[in-house]
Amino acid sequence: MLVNPYDHEGVAIAINRALSMSLEERRQRHAINYRVLVQNDLGKWAERFLAELEGPPVELRRPGRLATGG
């Protein structure tokens, strides 16, 4: 569950919701989170990170924006 950790009331509401969640909903959420985790392991993160380093600078990737020399 996403919650702003600085929103004390929001955290309390989220904890209450999590504690009262049905077993089926907990299983569904776990399955979704686990699938995302498996698809985004450290090796895949490193591949994407290195590919970004090898790609063009961010300034050149934004559509409609020209890179300037300084």
PDB file of N, CA and C in Angstrom:
ATOM      1  N   MET A   1       0.841  -1.160   0.000  1.00  0.00           N
ATOM      2  CA  MET A   1       0.000   0.000   0.000  1.00  0.00           C
ATOM      3  C   MET A   1       0.891   1.230   0.000  1.00  0.00           C
ATOM      4  N   LEU A   2       0.552   2.165  -0.850  1.00  0.00           N
ATOM      5  CA  LEU A   2       1.331   3.388  -0.921  1.00  0.00           C
ATOM      6  C   LEU A   2       0.783   4.397   0.073  1.00  0.00           C
ATOM      7  N   VAL A   3       1.684   4.988   0.801  1.00  0.00           N
ATOM      8  CA  VAL A   3       1.278   5.979   1.802  1.00  0.00           C
ATOM      9  C   VAL A   3       2.443   6.942   2.029  1.00  0.00           C
ATOM     10  N   ASN A   4       2.103   8.187   2.263  1.00  0.00           N
ATOM     11  CA  ASN A   4       3.107   9.190   2.583  1.00  0.00           C
ATOM     12  C   ASN A   4       3.531   8.970   4.040  1.00  0.00           C
ATOM     13  N   PRO A   5       4.788   8.633   4.289  1.00  0.00           N
ATOM     14  CA  PRO A   5       5.210   8.350   5.660  1.00  0.00           C
ATOM     15  C   PRO A   5       5.128   9.557   6.593  1.00  0.00           C
ATOM     16  N   TYR A   6       5.001  10.756   6.037  1.00  0.00           N
ATOM     17  CA  TYR A   6       4.884  11.954   6.872  1.00  0.00           C
ATOM     18  C   TYR A   6       3.430  12.271   7.217  1.00  0.00           C
ATOM     19  N   ASP A   7       2.495  11.532   6.604  1.00  0.00           N
ATOM     20  CA  ASP A   7       1.069  11.714   6.862  1.00  0.00           C
ATOM     21  C   ASP A   7       0.649  10.684   7.900  1.00  0.00           C
ATOM     22  N   HIS A   8       0.714  11.075   9.172  1.00  0.00           N
ATOM     23  CA  HIS A   8       0.455  10.134  10.263  1.00  0.00           C
ATOM     24  C   HIS A   8      -0.936   9.523  10.177  1.00  0.00           C
ATOM     25  N   GLU A   9      -1.909  10.321   9.850  1.00  0.00           N
ATOM     26  CA  GLU A   9      -3.270   9.801   9.741  1.00  0.00           C
ATOM     27  C   GLU A   9      -3.379   8.832   8.566  1.00  0.00           C
ATOM     28  N   GLY A  10      -2.741   9.167   7.451  1.00  0.00           N
ATOM     29  CA  GLY A  10      -2.744   8.286   6.280  1.00  0.00           C
ATOM     30  C   GLY A  10      -2.070   6.951   6.568  1.00  0.00           C
ATOM     31  N   VAL A  11      -0.986   6.988   7.332  1.00  0.00           N
ATOM     32  CA  VAL A  11      -0.295   5.753   7.720  1.00  0.00           C
ATOM     33  C   VAL A  11      -1.215   4.906   8.597  1.00  0.00           C
ATOM     34  N   ALA A  12      -1.872   5.537   9.542  1.00  0.00           N
ATOM     35  CA  ALA A  12      -2.788   4.804  10.423  1.00  0.00           C
ATOM     36  C   ALA A  12      -3.922   4.165   9.630  1.00  0.00           C
ATOM     37  N   ILE A  13      -4.464   4.906   8.676  1.00  0.00           N
ATOM     38  CA  ILE A  13      -5.544   4.370   7.837  1.00  0.00           C
ATOM     39  C   ILE A  13      -5.046   3.191   7.016  1.00  0.00           C
ATOM     40  N   ALA A  14      -3.851   3.319   6.438  1.00  0.00           N
ATOM     41  CA  ALA A  14      -3.291   2.246   5.623  1.00  0.00           C
ATOM     42  C   ALA A  14      -3.019   0.996   6.463  1.00  0.00           C
ATOM     43  N   ILE A  15      -2.503   1.181   7.662  1.00  0.00           N
ATOM     44  CA  ILE A  15      -2.252   0.035   8.552  1.00  0.00           C
ATOM     45  C   ILE A  15      -3.571  -0.642   8.902  1.00  0.00           C
ATOM     46  N   ASN A  16      -4.570   0.147   9.219  1.00  0.00           N
ATOM     47  CA  ASN A  16      -5.885  -0.414   9.543  1.00  0.00           C
ATOM     48  C   ASN A  16      -6.448  -1.192   8.351  1.00  0.00           C
ATOM     49  N   ARG A  17      -6.314  -0.620   7.173  1.00  0.00           N
ATOM     50  CA  ARG A  17      -6.816  -1.308   5.971  1.00  0.00           C
ATOM     51  C   ARG A  17      -6.060  -2.608   5.748  1.00  0.00           C
ATOM     52  N   ALA A  18      -4.750  -2.572   5.898  1.00  0.00           N
ATOM     53  CA  ALA A  18      -3.942  -3.781   5.694  1.00  0.00           C
ATOM     54  C   ALA A  18      -4.312  -4.870   6.695  1.00  0.00           C
ATOM     55  N   LEU A  19      -4.538  -4.469   7.934  1.00  0.00           N
ATOM     56  CA  LEU A  19      -4.876  -5.454   8.963  1.00  0.00           C
ATOM     57  C   LEU A  19      -6.267  -6.055   8.766  1.00  0.00           C
ATOM     58  N   SER A  20      -7.153  -5.306   8.122  1.00  0.00           N
ATOM     59  CA  SER A  20      -8.510  -5.807   7.923  1.00  0.00           C
ATOM     60  C   SER A  20      -8.735  -6.380   6.521  1.00  0.00           C
ATOM     61  N   MET A  21      -7.678  -6.424   5.716  1.00  0.00           N
ATOM     62  CA  MET A  21      -7.762  -6.916   4.348  1.00  0.00           C
ATOM     63  C   MET A  21      -8.052  -8.422   4.336  1.00  0.00           C
ATOM     64  N   SER A  22      -8.840  -8.850   3.377  1.00  0.00           N
ATOM     65  CA  SER A  22      -9.153 -10.276   3.273  1.00  0.00           C
ATOM     66  C   SER A  22      -7.915 -11.059   2.831  1.00  0.00           C
ATOM     67  N   LEU A  23      -7.918 -12.324   3.162  1.00  0.00           N
ATOM     68  CA  LEU A  23      -6.809 -13.197   2.766  1.00  0.00           C
ATOM     69  C   LEU A  23      -6.647 -13.211   1.250  1.00  0.00           C
ATOM     70  N   GLU A  24      -7.744 -13.238   0.523  1.00  0.00           N
ATOM     71  CA  GLU A  24      -7.679 -13.262  -0.941  1.00  0.00           C
ATOM     72  C   GLU A  24      -7.030 -11.995  -1.486  1.00  0.00           C
ATOM     73  N   GLU A  25      -7.395 -10.839  -0.952  1.00  0.00           N
ATOM     74  CA  GLU A  25      -6.774  -9.592  -1.415  1.00  0.00           C
ATOM     75  C   GLU A  25      -5.291  -9.572  -1.071  1.00  0.00           C
ATOM     76  N   ARG A  26      -4.922 -10.038   0.109  1.00  0.00           N
ATOM     77  CA  ARG A  26      -3.496 -10.099   0.472  1.00  0.00           C
ATOM     78  C   ARG A  26      -2.736 -10.995  -0.492  1.00  0.00           C
ATOM     79  N   ARG A  27      -3.325 -12.135  -0.842  1.00  0.00           N
ATOM     80  CA  ARG A  27      -2.661 -13.054  -1.788  1.00  0.00           C
ATOM     81  C   ARG A  27      -2.514 -12.411  -3.161  1.00  0.00           C
ATOM     82  N   GLN A  28      -3.552 -11.732  -3.621  1.00  0.00           N
ATOM     83  CA  GLN A  28      -3.481 -11.068  -4.929  1.00  0.00           C
ATOM     84  C   GLN A  28      -2.398  -9.993  -4.933  1.00  0.00           C
ATOM     85  N   ARG A  29      -2.363  -9.178  -3.891  1.00  0.00           N
ATOM     86  CA  ARG A  29      -1.354  -8.117  -3.814  1.00  0.00           C
ATOM     87  C   ARG A  29       0.052  -8.702  -3.749  1.00  0.00           C
ATOM     88  N   HIS A  30       0.211  -9.770  -2.982  1.00  0.00           N
ATOM     89  CA  HIS A  30       1.511 -10.417  -2.881  1.00  0.00           C
ATOM     90  C   HIS A  30       1.947 -10.954  -4.241  1.00  0.00           C
ATOM     91  N   ALA A  31       1.034 -11.594  -4.964  1.00  0.00           N
ATOM     92  CA  ALA A  31       1.369 -12.156  -6.272  1.00  0.00           C
ATOM     93  C   ALA A  31       1.809 -11.058  -7.238  1.00  0.00           C
ATOM     94  N   ILE A  32       1.105  -9.937  -7.235  1.00  0.00           N
ATOM     95  CA  ILE A  32       1.463  -8.818  -8.114  1.00  0.00           C
ATOM     96  C   ILE A  32       2.840  -8.265  -7.737  1.00  0.00           C
ATOM     97  N   ASN A  33       3.057  -8.025  -6.460  1.00  0.00           N
ATOM     98  CA  ASN A  33       4.346  -7.488  -6.009  1.00  0.00           C
ATOM     99  C   ASN A  33       5.484  -8.453  -6.298  1.00  0.00           C
ATOM    100  N   TYR A  34       5.246  -9.735  -6.107  1.00  0.00           N
ATOM    101  CA  TYR A  34       6.292 -10.728  -6.351  1.00  0.00           C
ATOM    102  C   TYR A  34       6.641 -10.774  -7.839  1.00  0.00           C
ATOM    103  N   ARG A  35       5.628 -10.685  -8.699  1.00  0.00           N
ATOM    104  CA  ARG A  35       5.868 -10.699 -10.154  1.00  0.00           C
ATOM    105  C   ARG A  35       6.724  -9.497 -10.555  1.00  0.00           C
ATOM    106  N   VAL A  36       6.421  -8.336 -10.015  1.00  0.00           N
ATOM    107  CA  VAL A  36       7.215  -7.135 -10.304  1.00  0.00           C
ATOM    108  C   VAL A  36       8.650  -7.321  -9.807  1.00  0.00           C
ATOM    109  N   LEU A  37       8.803  -7.876  -8.621  1.00  0.00           N
ATOM    110  CA  LEU A  37      10.123  -8.114  -8.051  1.00  0.00           C
ATOM    111  C   LEU A  37      10.947  -9.062  -8.927  1.00  0.00           C
ATOM    112  N   VAL A  38      10.340 -10.145  -9.367  1.00  0.00           N
ATOM    113  CA  VAL A  38      11.043 -11.130 -10.196  1.00  0.00           C
ATOM    114  C   VAL A  38      11.459 -10.505 -11.534  1.00  0.00           C
ATOM    115  N   GLN A  39      10.605  -9.646 -12.091  1.00  0.00           N
ATOM    116  CA  GLN A  39      10.900  -9.020 -13.379  1.00  0.00           C
ATOM    117  C   GLN A  39      11.911  -7.885 -13.257  1.00  0.00           C
ATOM    118  N   ASN A  40      12.176  -7.440 -12.064  1.00  0.00           N
ATOM    119  CA  ASN A  40      13.071  -6.295 -11.863  1.00  0.00           C
ATOM    120  C   ASN A  40      14.136  -6.611 -10.827  1.00  0.00           C
ATOM    121  N   ASP A  41      14.814  -7.717 -11.010  1.00  0.00           N
ATOM    122  CA  ASP A  41      15.854  -8.088 -10.059  1.00  0.00           C
ATOM    123  C   ASP A  41      17.093  -7.216 -10.261  1.00  0.00           C
ATOM    124  N   LEU A  42      18.093  -7.422  -9.442  1.00  0.00           N
ATOM    125  CA  LEU A  42      19.294  -6.586  -9.478  1.00  0.00           C
ATOM    126  C   LEU A  42      20.003  -6.661 -10.828  1.00  0.00           C
ATOM    127  N   GLY A  43      20.054  -7.845 -11.416  1.00  0.00           N
ATOM    128  CA  GLY A  43      20.714  -7.993 -12.716  1.00  0.00           C
ATOM    129  C   GLY A  43      20.039  -7.173 -13.800  1.00  0.00           C
ATOM    130  N   LYS A  44      18.724  -7.197 -13.838  1.00  0.00           N
ATOM    131  CA  LYS A  44      17.987  -6.427 -14.846  1.00  0.00           C
ATOM    132  C   LYS A  44      18.106  -4.936 -14.580  1.00  0.00           C
ATOM    133  N   TRP A  45      18.099  -4.543 -13.305  1.00  0.00           N
ATOM    134  CA  TRP A  45      18.294  -3.137 -12.978  1.00  0.00           C
ATOM    135  C   TRP A  45      19.664  -2.672 -13.468  1.00  0.00           C
ATOM    136  N   ALA A  46      20.685  -3.481 -13.233  1.00  0.00           N
ATOM    137  CA  ALA A  46      22.046  -3.121 -13.650  1.00  0.00           C
ATOM    138  C   ALA A  46      22.130  -3.000 -15.172  1.00  0.00           C
ATOM    139  N   GLU A  47      21.477  -3.907 -15.898  1.00  0.00           N
ATOM    140  CA  GLU A  47      21.468  -3.821 -17.364  1.00  0.00           C
ATOM    141  C   GLU A  47      20.851  -2.512 -17.828  1.00  0.00           C
ATOM    142  N   ARG A  48      19.703  -2.143 -17.258  1.00  0.00           N
ATOM    143  CA  ARG A  48      19.058  -0.885 -17.642  1.00  0.00           C
ATOM    144  C   ARG A  48      19.920   0.314 -17.269  1.00  0.00           C
ATOM    145  N   PHE A  49      20.533   0.259 -16.092  1.00  0.00           N
ATOM    146  CA  PHE A  49      21.381   1.360 -15.637  1.00  0.00           C
ATOM    147  C   PHE A  49      22.562   1.564 -16.579  1.00  0.00           C
ATOM    148  N   LEU A  50      23.232   0.476 -16.929  1.00  0.00           N
ATOM    149  CA  LEU A  50      24.384   0.580 -17.832  1.00  0.00           C
ATOM    150  C   LEU A  50      23.965   1.015 -19.231  1.00  0.00           C
ATOM    151  N   ALA A  51      22.808   0.557 -19.691  1.00  0.00           N
ATOM    152  CA  ALA A  51      22.312   0.987 -21.006  1.00  0.00           C
ATOM    153  C   ALA A  51      22.049   2.489 -21.004  1.00  0.00           C
ATOM    154  N   GLU A  52      21.525   3.003 -19.906  1.00  0.00           N
ATOM    155  CA  GLU A  52      21.302   4.451 -19.795  1.00  0.00           C
ATOM    156  C   GLU A  52      22.620   5.207 -19.842  1.00  0.00           C
ATOM    157  N   LEU A  53      23.653   4.676 -19.198  1.00  0.00           N
ATOM    158  CA  LEU A  53      24.958   5.339 -19.211  1.00  0.00           C
ATOM    159  C   LEU A  53      25.551   5.363 -20.612  1.00  0.00           C
ATOM    160  N   GLU A  54      25.283   4.348 -21.398  1.00  0.00           N
ATOM    161  CA  GLU A  54      25.842   4.256 -22.746  1.00  0.00           C
ATOM    162  C   GLU A  54      25.034   5.051 -23.766  1.00  0.00           C
ATOM    163  N   GLY A  55      23.809   5.436 -23.424  1.00  0.00           N
ATOM    164  CA  GLY A  55      22.928   6.142 -24.348  1.00  0.00           C
ATOM    165  C   GLY A  55      23.296   7.609 -24.459  1.00  0.00           C
ATOM    166  N   PRO A  56      22.509   8.336 -25.289  1.00  0.00           N
ATOM    167  CA  PRO A  56      22.766   9.775 -25.438  1.00  0.00           C
ATOM    168  C   PRO A  56      22.432  10.520 -24.157  1.00  0.00           C
ATOM    169  N   PRO A  57      23.013  11.710 -23.985  1.00  0.00           N
ATOM    170  CA  PRO A  57      22.711  12.508 -22.796  1.00  0.00           C
ATOM    171  C   PRO A  57      21.212  12.799 -22.706  1.00  0.00           C
ATOM    172  N   VAL A  58      20.730  12.987 -21.505  1.00  0.00           N
ATOM    173  CA  VAL A  58      19.303  13.222 -21.277  1.00  0.00           C
ATOM    174  C   VAL A  58      18.809  14.412 -22.091  1.00  0.00           C
ATOM    175  N   GLU A  59      19.601  15.472 -22.210  1.00  0.00           N
ATOM    176  CA  GLU A  59      19.187  16.663 -22.945  1.00  0.00           C
ATOM    177  C   GLU A  59      18.837  16.346 -24.390  1.00  0.00           C
ATOM    178  N   LEU A  60      19.504  15.371 -24.973  1.00  0.00           N
ATOM    179  CA  LEU A  60      19.262  15.027 -26.367  1.00  0.00           C
ATOM    180  C   LEU A  60      18.055  14.109 -26.525  1.00  0.00           C
ATOM    181  N   ARG A  61      17.548  13.553 -25.450  1.00  0.00           N
ATOM    182  CA  ARG A  61      16.436  12.628 -25.538  1.00  0.00           C
ATOM    183  C   ARG A  61      15.080  13.307 -25.426  1.00  0.00           C
ATOM    184  N   ARG A  62      15.037  14.540 -24.984  1.00  0.00           N
ATOM    185  CA  ARG A  62      13.752  15.215 -24.794  1.00  0.00           C
ATOM    186  C   ARG A  62      13.252  15.740 -26.139  1.00  0.00           C
ATOM    187  N   PRO A  63      12.072  15.320 -26.567  1.00  0.00           N
ATOM    188  CA  PRO A  63      11.539  15.801 -27.844  1.00  0.00           C
ATOM    189  C   PRO A  63      11.314  17.317 -27.819  1.00  0.00           C
ATOM    190  N   GLY A  64      11.639  17.966 -28.921  1.00  0.00           N
ATOM    191  CA  GLY A  64      11.398  19.386 -29.035  1.00  0.00           C
ATOM    192  C   GLY A  64      12.407  20.261 -28.330  1.00  0.00           C
ATOM    193  N   ARG A  65      13.452  19.684 -27.782  1.00  0.00           N
ATOM    194  CA  ARG A  65      14.442  20.492 -27.077  1.00  0.00           C
ATOM    195  C   ARG A  65      15.797  20.315 -27.746  1.00  0.00           C
ATOM    196  N   LEU A  66      16.447  21.410 -28.047  1.00  0.00           N
ATOM    197  CA  LEU A  66      17.758  21.362 -28.678  1.00  0.00           C
ATOM    198  C   LEU A  66      18.839  21.472 -27.625  1.00  0.00           C
ATOM    199  N   ALA A  67      19.889  20.692 -27.809  1.00  0.00           N
ATOM    200  CA  ALA A  67      21.027  20.797 -26.906  1.00  0.00           C
ATOM    201  C   ALA A  67      21.820  22.028 -27.275  1.00  0.00           C
ATOM    202  N   THR A  68      22.262  22.772 -26.276  1.00  0.00           N
ATOM    203  CA  THR A  68      23.068  23.960 -26.537  1.00  0.00           C
ATOM    204  C   THR A  68      24.463  23.741 -26.001  1.00  0.00           C
ATOM    205  N   GLY A  69      25.395  24.443 -26.534  1.00  0.00           N
ATOM    206  CA  GLY A  69      26.778  24.251 -26.186  1.00  0.00           C
ATOM    207  C   GLY A  69      27.208  24.895 -24.886  1.00  0.00           C
ATOM    208  N   GLY A  70      26.349  25.491 -24.145  1.00  0.00           N
ATOM    209  CA  GLY A  70      26.871  25.985 -22.925  1.00  0.00           C
ATOM    210  C   GLY A  70      26.099  27.012 -22.261  1.00  0.00           C
TER     211      GLY A  70
END
